[in-house]
């Protein structure tokens, strides 16, 4: 077994195209991370949310790009933002309020 670690700028199709081991198989492994839920009704009125698996170093800008690609939208990433929501700690036990915060494009939602 030969393991090739590719850089972020490498394209899998290019690597497979120049593969000297014609009878090899490719198995993709992802970086450690998790799932986030992105509510996308602004982009697709019939959709409620997308669950997206991202790595710990995926930025808000990357998430916006992924959602735009999933929705096949003609909007640009600069027209959108990612808003983090969560229960307000003061009202958490009562369930009355949630906090909302616009995330910076360089932030990592899981980081």
N, C-alpha and C. Protein backbone atom coordinates (compact mmCIF):
# COMPACT_ATOMS: atom_id res chain seq x y z
N UNK A 1 0.84 -1.19 0.00
CA UNK A 1 0.00 0.00 0.00
C UNK A 1 0.88 1.24 0.00
N UNK A 2 0.59 2.14 -0.91
CA UNK A 2 1.30 3.40 -0.99
C UNK A 2 0.33 4.51 -0.63
N UNK A 3 0.71 5.35 0.30
CA UNK A 3 -0.13 6.47 0.71
C UNK A 3 0.43 7.75 0.12
N UNK A 4 -0.41 8.48 -0.59
CA UNK A 4 -0.02 9.76 -1.16
C UNK A 4 -0.81 10.84 -0.43
N UNK A 5 -0.11 11.77 0.14
CA UNK A 5 -0.76 12.91 0.76
C UNK A 5 -0.72 14.04 -0.24
N UNK A 6 -1.89 14.54 -0.58
CA UNK A 6 -1.94 15.59 -1.59
C UNK A 6 -2.15 16.94 -0.93
N UNK A 7 -1.66 17.96 -1.59
CA UNK A 7 -1.83 19.32 -1.07
C UNK A 7 -3.21 19.84 -1.45
N UNK A 8 -3.60 20.94 -0.86
CA UNK A 8 -4.92 21.50 -1.14
C UNK A 8 -5.04 22.00 -2.58
N UNK A 9 -3.92 22.31 -3.21
CA UNK A 9 -3.97 22.80 -4.59
C UNK A 9 -3.99 21.67 -5.61
N UNK A 10 -3.68 20.42 -5.19
CA UNK A 10 -3.71 19.29 -6.11
C UNK A 10 -5.14 18.92 -6.46
N UNK A 11 -5.33 18.47 -7.68
CA UNK A 11 -6.65 18.01 -8.12
C UNK A 11 -6.57 16.50 -8.30
N UNK A 12 -7.52 15.80 -7.69
CA UNK A 12 -7.52 14.35 -7.74
C UNK A 12 -7.54 13.84 -9.18
N UNK A 13 -8.30 14.50 -10.04
CA UNK A 13 -8.39 14.04 -11.43
C UNK A 13 -7.03 14.10 -12.13
N UNK A 14 -6.22 15.12 -11.80
CA UNK A 14 -4.88 15.22 -12.39
C UNK A 14 -3.98 14.10 -11.89
N UNK A 15 -4.09 13.78 -10.60
CA UNK A 15 -3.26 12.71 -10.04
C UNK A 15 -3.63 11.35 -10.62
N UNK A 16 -4.92 11.09 -10.77
CA UNK A 16 -5.35 9.82 -11.33
C UNK A 16 -4.96 9.74 -12.80
N UNK A 17 -5.03 10.86 -13.51
CA UNK A 17 -4.68 10.89 -14.93
C UNK A 17 -3.23 10.57 -15.21
N UNK A 18 -2.34 10.92 -14.30
CA UNK A 18 -0.92 10.65 -14.52
C UNK A 18 -0.44 9.49 -13.66
N UNK A 19 -1.34 8.65 -13.20
CA UNK A 19 -1.04 7.53 -12.32
C UNK A 19 -0.21 6.47 -13.03
N UNK A 20 1.02 6.23 -12.57
CA UNK A 20 1.84 5.19 -13.21
C UNK A 20 1.40 3.77 -12.83
N UNK A 21 0.59 3.64 -11.79
CA UNK A 21 0.09 2.34 -11.35
C UNK A 21 -1.34 2.19 -11.85
N UNK A 22 -1.52 1.83 -13.07
CA UNK A 22 -2.83 1.83 -13.72
C UNK A 22 -3.88 1.01 -12.97
N UNK A 23 -3.51 -0.04 -12.31
CA UNK A 23 -4.48 -0.91 -11.65
C UNK A 23 -4.66 -0.58 -10.17
N UNK A 24 -4.43 0.65 -9.81
CA UNK A 24 -4.55 1.01 -8.40
C UNK A 24 -5.94 1.54 -8.08
N UNK A 25 -6.25 1.56 -6.81
CA UNK A 25 -7.51 2.13 -6.35
C UNK A 25 -7.20 3.36 -5.53
N UNK A 26 -8.14 4.28 -5.51
CA UNK A 26 -7.97 5.51 -4.75
C UNK A 26 -9.01 5.53 -3.63
N UNK A 27 -8.56 5.82 -2.42
CA UNK A 27 -9.47 5.96 -1.30
C UNK A 27 -9.22 7.33 -0.68
N UNK A 28 -10.26 8.14 -0.65
CA UNK A 28 -10.15 9.47 -0.07
C UNK A 28 -10.43 9.42 1.42
N UNK A 29 -9.62 10.13 2.17
CA UNK A 29 -9.83 10.25 3.61
C UNK A 29 -9.92 11.74 3.93
N UNK A 30 -10.79 12.07 4.83
CA UNK A 30 -10.95 13.48 5.16
C UNK A 30 -10.25 13.81 6.47
N UNK A 31 -9.99 15.07 6.64
CA UNK A 31 -9.38 15.55 7.88
C UNK A 31 -10.40 15.43 9.01
N UNK A 32 -9.95 15.39 10.26
CA UNK A 32 -10.89 15.38 11.38
C UNK A 32 -11.76 16.63 11.37
N UNK A 33 -13.00 16.49 11.73
CA UNK A 33 -13.91 17.62 11.73
C UNK A 33 -15.26 17.23 12.29
N UNK A 34 -16.30 17.74 11.67
CA UNK A 34 -17.64 17.45 12.13
C UNK A 34 -18.67 18.01 11.18
N UNK A 35 -19.92 17.93 11.60
CA UNK A 35 -21.02 18.41 10.78
C UNK A 35 -21.53 19.75 11.30
N UNK A 36 -21.92 20.60 10.38
CA UNK A 36 -22.61 21.83 10.76
C UNK A 36 -23.92 21.87 9.97
N UNK A 37 -24.89 22.56 10.51
CA UNK A 37 -26.18 22.72 9.85
C UNK A 37 -26.26 24.15 9.36
N UNK A 38 -26.47 24.31 8.05
CA UNK A 38 -26.57 25.63 7.44
C UNK A 38 -27.99 25.79 6.89
N UNK A 39 -28.72 26.73 7.47
CA UNK A 39 -30.07 27.01 7.00
C UNK A 39 -29.96 27.84 5.72
N UNK A 40 -30.57 27.33 4.65
CA UNK A 40 -30.34 27.92 3.32
C UNK A 40 -31.62 28.36 2.61
N UNK A 41 -32.66 28.66 3.36
CA UNK A 41 -33.92 29.07 2.73
C UNK A 41 -33.79 30.38 1.96
N UNK A 42 -32.78 31.19 2.28
CA UNK A 42 -32.55 32.41 1.52
C UNK A 42 -32.15 32.07 0.09
N UNK A 43 -31.42 30.98 -0.08
CA UNK A 43 -30.95 30.57 -1.41
C UNK A 43 -31.95 29.66 -2.13
N UNK A 44 -32.58 28.79 -1.35
CA UNK A 44 -33.52 27.82 -1.91
C UNK A 44 -34.77 27.80 -1.05
N UNK A 45 -35.83 28.45 -1.47
CA UNK A 45 -37.03 28.54 -0.64
C UNK A 45 -37.63 27.18 -0.24
N UNK A 46 -37.44 26.15 -1.06
CA UNK A 46 -38.00 24.84 -0.74
C UNK A 46 -37.12 24.02 0.21
N UNK A 47 -35.94 24.51 0.51
CA UNK A 47 -35.00 23.80 1.38
C UNK A 47 -35.02 24.42 2.77
N UNK A 48 -34.76 23.61 3.77
CA UNK A 48 -34.70 24.12 5.14
C UNK A 48 -33.24 24.30 5.55
N UNK A 49 -32.44 23.25 5.42
CA UNK A 49 -31.03 23.35 5.79
C UNK A 49 -30.21 22.30 5.06
N UNK A 50 -28.91 22.50 5.09
CA UNK A 50 -27.95 21.53 4.58
C UNK A 50 -27.05 21.11 5.74
N UNK A 51 -26.82 19.82 5.87
CA UNK A 51 -25.82 19.32 6.81
C UNK A 51 -24.53 19.14 6.03
N UNK A 52 -23.49 19.80 6.46
CA UNK A 52 -22.24 19.79 5.72
C UNK A 52 -21.13 19.29 6.64
N UNK A 53 -20.35 18.33 6.14
CA UNK A 53 -19.19 17.84 6.90
C UNK A 53 -18.02 18.71 6.51
N UNK A 54 -17.39 19.31 7.52
CA UNK A 54 -16.23 20.16 7.28
C UNK A 54 -15.11 19.76 8.23
N UNK A 55 -13.90 20.17 7.90
CA UNK A 55 -12.75 19.91 8.77
C UNK A 55 -12.60 21.05 9.76
N UNK A 56 -11.75 20.85 10.72
CA UNK A 56 -11.52 21.87 11.75
C UNK A 56 -10.93 23.15 11.22
N UNK A 57 -10.27 23.09 10.06
CA UNK A 57 -9.66 24.31 9.52
C UNK A 57 -10.45 24.90 8.34
N UNK A 58 -11.67 24.44 8.13
CA UNK A 58 -12.54 25.01 7.10
C UNK A 58 -13.04 26.37 7.58
N UNK A 59 -12.92 27.38 6.74
CA UNK A 59 -13.31 28.73 7.12
C UNK A 59 -14.77 29.01 6.75
N UNK A 60 -15.28 30.10 7.29
CA UNK A 60 -16.63 30.56 6.96
C UNK A 60 -16.74 30.77 5.45
N UNK A 61 -15.73 31.37 4.85
CA UNK A 61 -15.73 31.59 3.39
C UNK A 61 -15.84 30.26 2.65
N UNK A 62 -15.13 29.24 3.11
CA UNK A 62 -15.21 27.91 2.49
C UNK A 62 -16.63 27.36 2.60
N UNK A 63 -17.25 27.51 3.76
CA UNK A 63 -18.61 27.01 3.97
C UNK A 63 -19.58 27.71 3.02
N UNK A 64 -19.45 29.02 2.90
CA UNK A 64 -20.33 29.76 1.98
C UNK A 64 -20.13 29.27 0.55
N UNK A 65 -18.89 29.04 0.14
CA UNK A 65 -18.62 28.52 -1.20
C UNK A 65 -19.27 27.14 -1.41
N UNK A 66 -19.19 26.28 -0.40
CA UNK A 66 -19.78 24.95 -0.48
C UNK A 66 -21.29 25.04 -0.63
N UNK A 67 -21.92 25.88 0.19
CA UNK A 67 -23.38 26.02 0.13
C UNK A 67 -23.81 26.59 -1.22
N UNK A 68 -23.09 27.58 -1.72
CA UNK A 68 -23.43 28.15 -3.02
C UNK A 68 -23.31 27.09 -4.12
N UNK A 69 -22.30 26.25 -4.04
CA UNK A 69 -22.14 25.19 -5.04
C UNK A 69 -23.27 24.16 -4.93
N UNK A 70 -23.67 23.82 -3.71
CA UNK A 70 -24.77 22.86 -3.51
C UNK A 70 -26.10 23.41 -4.03
N UNK A 71 -26.31 24.69 -3.89
CA UNK A 71 -27.57 25.32 -4.29
C UNK A 71 -27.56 25.78 -5.73
N UNK A 72 -26.41 25.67 -6.39
CA UNK A 72 -26.28 26.13 -7.78
C UNK A 72 -26.74 27.58 -7.91
N UNK A 73 -26.28 28.41 -6.99
CA UNK A 73 -26.71 29.80 -6.93
C UNK A 73 -25.80 30.70 -7.75
N UNK A 74 -26.37 31.77 -8.26
CA UNK A 74 -25.57 32.75 -9.00
C UNK A 74 -25.10 33.89 -8.10
N UNK A 75 -25.43 33.83 -6.81
CA UNK A 75 -24.95 34.84 -5.87
C UNK A 75 -23.45 34.69 -5.67
N UNK A 76 -22.81 35.77 -5.25
CA UNK A 76 -21.38 35.70 -4.95
C UNK A 76 -21.22 35.52 -3.43
N UNK A 77 -20.11 34.94 -3.00
CA UNK A 77 -19.89 34.75 -1.57
C UNK A 77 -19.92 36.05 -0.77
N UNK A 78 -19.55 37.16 -1.40
CA UNK A 78 -19.55 38.44 -0.69
C UNK A 78 -20.95 38.94 -0.37
N UNK A 79 -21.97 38.36 -0.99
CA UNK A 79 -23.34 38.77 -0.74
C UNK A 79 -23.96 38.04 0.46
N UNK A 80 -23.25 37.07 1.01
CA UNK A 80 -23.79 36.24 2.09
C UNK A 80 -22.90 36.27 3.31
N UNK A 81 -23.45 35.85 4.43
CA UNK A 81 -22.68 35.70 5.66
C UNK A 81 -23.16 34.44 6.38
N UNK A 82 -22.38 34.00 7.33
CA UNK A 82 -22.75 32.86 8.15
C UNK A 82 -23.04 33.38 9.55
N UNK A 83 -24.20 33.05 10.06
CA UNK A 83 -24.62 33.53 11.38
C UNK A 83 -24.64 32.34 12.33
N UNK A 84 -23.86 32.43 13.38
CA UNK A 84 -23.82 31.38 14.39
C UNK A 84 -24.96 31.61 15.37
N UNK A 85 -25.73 30.57 15.63
CA UNK A 85 -26.82 30.68 16.59
C UNK A 85 -26.61 29.67 17.70
N UNK A 86 -27.12 30.00 18.86
CA UNK A 86 -27.03 29.11 20.00
C UNK A 86 -27.91 29.62 21.12
N UNK A 87 -28.16 28.77 22.09
CA UNK A 87 -29.01 29.22 23.19
C UNK A 87 -28.33 30.31 24.02
N UNK A 88 -29.09 31.28 24.40
CA UNK A 88 -28.61 32.34 25.28
C UNK A 88 -28.42 31.72 26.66
N UNK A 89 -27.23 31.86 27.22
CA UNK A 89 -26.94 31.20 28.50
C UNK A 89 -27.85 31.67 29.63
N UNK A 90 -28.32 32.92 29.58
CA UNK A 90 -29.20 33.41 30.63
C UNK A 90 -30.58 32.76 30.58
N UNK A 91 -31.02 32.42 29.38
CA UNK A 91 -32.37 31.87 29.21
C UNK A 91 -32.36 30.40 28.80
N UNK A 92 -31.21 29.77 28.91
CA UNK A 92 -31.08 28.40 28.43
C UNK A 92 -32.05 27.46 29.14
N UNK A 93 -32.20 27.63 30.44
CA UNK A 93 -33.07 26.72 31.18
C UNK A 93 -34.54 26.95 30.86
N UNK A 94 -34.89 28.17 30.49
CA UNK A 94 -36.28 28.49 30.17
C UNK A 94 -36.56 28.27 28.69
N UNK A 95 -35.54 28.37 27.86
CA UNK A 95 -35.68 28.17 26.43
C UNK A 95 -36.32 29.34 25.71
N UNK A 96 -36.11 30.54 26.20
CA UNK A 96 -36.76 31.72 25.61
C UNK A 96 -35.96 32.42 24.53
N UNK A 97 -34.65 32.31 24.56
CA UNK A 97 -33.86 33.17 23.69
C UNK A 97 -32.70 32.41 23.06
N UNK A 98 -32.30 32.87 21.89
CA UNK A 98 -31.09 32.36 21.25
C UNK A 98 -30.21 33.54 20.90
N UNK A 99 -28.92 33.29 20.92
CA UNK A 99 -27.97 34.33 20.53
C UNK A 99 -27.64 34.16 19.06
N UNK A 100 -27.33 35.26 18.41
CA UNK A 100 -26.94 35.25 17.00
C UNK A 100 -25.71 36.12 16.83
N UNK A 101 -24.75 35.59 16.05
CA UNK A 101 -23.52 36.32 15.84
C UNK A 101 -23.05 36.10 14.41
N UNK A 102 -22.81 37.21 13.69
CA UNK A 102 -22.27 37.11 12.34
C UNK A 102 -20.80 36.74 12.46
N UNK A 103 -20.42 35.65 11.81
CA UNK A 103 -19.06 35.16 11.90
C UNK A 103 -18.17 35.85 10.87
N UNK A 104 -16.92 36.07 11.24
CA UNK A 104 -15.93 36.62 10.32
C UNK A 104 -15.59 35.57 9.27
N UNK A 105 -15.33 35.99 8.04
CA UNK A 105 -15.06 35.06 6.94
C UNK A 105 -13.80 34.21 7.17
N UNK A 106 -12.89 34.67 8.02
CA UNK A 106 -11.66 33.91 8.28
C UNK A 106 -11.81 32.94 9.43
N UNK A 107 -12.93 33.03 10.18
CA UNK A 107 -13.15 32.13 11.31
C UNK A 107 -13.39 30.71 10.83
N UNK A 108 -13.10 29.78 11.71
CA UNK A 108 -13.38 28.37 11.45
C UNK A 108 -14.56 27.96 12.33
N UNK A 109 -15.71 27.60 11.75
CA UNK A 109 -16.89 27.28 12.55
C UNK A 109 -16.67 26.19 13.59
N UNK A 110 -15.80 25.24 13.32
CA UNK A 110 -15.53 24.18 14.29
C UNK A 110 -14.33 24.48 15.18
N UNK A 111 -13.64 25.55 14.88
CA UNK A 111 -12.41 25.85 15.62
C UNK A 111 -12.60 26.76 16.70
